[in-house]
C-alpha atoms as a PDB file:
ATOM      1  CA  GLY A   1      98.934 105.325 100.860  1.00  0.00           C
ATOM      2  CA  LEU A   2     101.251 102.403 100.076  1.00  0.00           C
ATOM      3  CA  LEU A   3      99.591 100.041 102.539  1.00  0.00           C
ATOM      4  CA  SER A   4      96.019 101.280 102.154  1.00  0.00           C
ATOM      5  CA  LYS A   5      95.060  98.152 100.173  1.00  0.00           C
ATOM      6  CA  ILE A   6      96.461  95.806 102.832  1.00  0.00           C
ATOM      7  CA  PRO A   7      93.895  94.725 105.441  1.00  0.00           C
ATOM      8  CA  VAL A   8      95.050  95.382 109.006  1.00  0.00           C
ATOM      9  CA  LYS A   9      95.106  91.631 109.684  1.00  0.00           C
ATOM     10  CA  ASN A  10      97.737  91.206 106.920  1.00  0.00           C
ATOM     11  CA  VAL A  11     100.111  94.001 107.954  1.00  0.00           C
ATOM     12  CA  LYS A  12     102.395  91.634 109.904  1.00  0.00           C
ATOM     13  CA  GLN A  13     102.622  89.340 106.867  1.00  0.00           C
ATOM     14  CA  PHE A  14     103.450  92.354 104.682  1.00  0.00           C
ATOM     15  CA  GLU A  15     106.125  93.481 107.138  1.00  0.00           C
ATOM     16  CA  ALA A  16     107.759  90.048 107.260  1.00  0.00           C
ATOM     17  CA  GLU A  17     107.770  89.640 103.482  1.00  0.00           C
ATOM     18  CA  PHE A  18     108.953  93.235 102.946  1.00  0.00           C
ATOM     19  CA  LEU A  19     111.946  92.710 105.220  1.00  0.00           C
ATOM     20  CA  THR A  20     112.708  89.353 103.598  1.00  0.00           C
ATOM     21  CA  MET A  21     112.683  90.951 100.137  1.00  0.00           C
ATOM     22  CA  LEU A  22     114.988  93.724 101.326  1.00  0.00           C
ATOM     23  CA  ARG A  23     117.382  91.251 102.961  1.00  0.00           C
ATOM     24  CA  ASN A  24     117.479  89.017  99.888  1.00  0.00           C
ATOM     25  CA  LYS A  25     117.496  91.549  97.058  1.00  0.00           C
ATOM     26  CA  HIS A  26     118.361  94.969  98.479  1.00  0.00           C
ATOM     27  CA  LYS A  27     120.872  94.409 101.269  1.00  0.00           C
ATOM     28  CA  ASP A  28     122.622  97.623 100.247  1.00  0.00           C
ATOM     29  CA  VAL A  29     119.482  99.598 101.089  1.00  0.00           C
ATOM     30  CA  LEU A  30     119.219  98.013 104.533  1.00  0.00           C
ATOM     31  CA  ASP A  31     122.904  98.680 105.162  1.00  0.00           C
ATOM     32  CA  ALA A  32     122.476 102.326 104.163  1.00  0.00           C
ATOM     33  CA  LEU A  33     119.464 102.707 106.470  1.00  0.00           C
ATOM     34  CA  LYS A  34     121.415 101.177 109.354  1.00  0.00           C
ATOM     35  CA  GLN A  35     124.065 103.845 108.757  1.00  0.00           C
ATOM     36  CA  GLY A  36     121.402 106.561 108.952  1.00  0.00           C
ATOM     37  CA  LYS A  37     121.377 107.300 105.239  1.00  0.00           C
ATOM     38  CA  LEU A  38     118.165 108.116 103.407  1.00  0.00           C
ATOM     39  CA  ASP A  39     118.104 109.658  99.959  1.00  0.00           C
ATOM     40  CA  ASP A  40     115.821 109.657  96.929  1.00  0.00           C
ATOM     41  CA  THR A  41     117.331 106.438  95.560  1.00  0.00           C
ATOM     42  CA  ILE A  42     116.771 104.567  98.821  1.00  0.00           C
ATOM     43  CA  THR A  43     113.262 105.986  99.195  1.00  0.00           C
ATOM     44  CA  GLY A  44     112.453 104.987  95.611  1.00  0.00           C
ATOM     45  CA  THR A  45     113.675 101.445  96.186  1.00  0.00           C
ATOM     46  CA  LEU A  46     111.630 101.114  99.380  1.00  0.00           C
ATOM     47  CA  GLU A  47     108.515 102.420  97.632  1.00  0.00           C
ATOM     48  CA  LYS A  48     108.978 100.105  94.637  1.00  0.00           C
ATOM     49  CA  VAL A  49     109.537  97.023  96.793  1.00  0.00           C
ATOM     50  CA  ALA A  50     106.475  97.913  98.881  1.00  0.00           C
ATOM     51  CA  ALA A  51     104.300  98.550  95.812  1.00  0.00           C
ATOM     52  CA  ASP A  52     105.391  95.280  94.177  1.00  0.00           C
ATOM     53  CA  LEU A  53     104.649  93.380  97.365  1.00  0.00           C
ATOM     54  CA  VAL A  54     101.218  95.002  97.744  1.00  0.00           C
ATOM     55  CA  LYS A  55     100.407  93.920  94.167  1.00  0.00           C
ATOM     56  CA  SER A  56     101.506  90.348  94.847  1.00  0.00           C
ATOM     57  CA  LEU A  57      99.466  90.155  98.059  1.00  0.00           C
ATOM     58  CA  ASP A  58      96.439  91.686  96.322  1.00  0.00           C
ATOM     59  CA  ASN A  59      96.261  88.848  93.773  1.00  0.00           C
END
């Protein structure tokens, strides 16, 4: 559901911007994922970043 509003042609753009946002603002989340950690806090952050990005791309 999170990407259902993103046209297929824009998925690569979403992916690039999503990773950039995580690298710039949520490095701790990326570090935790690299260590194999995934909990409700990390999932919530990923979902919020994705939802915010979908909104910005939808405008």
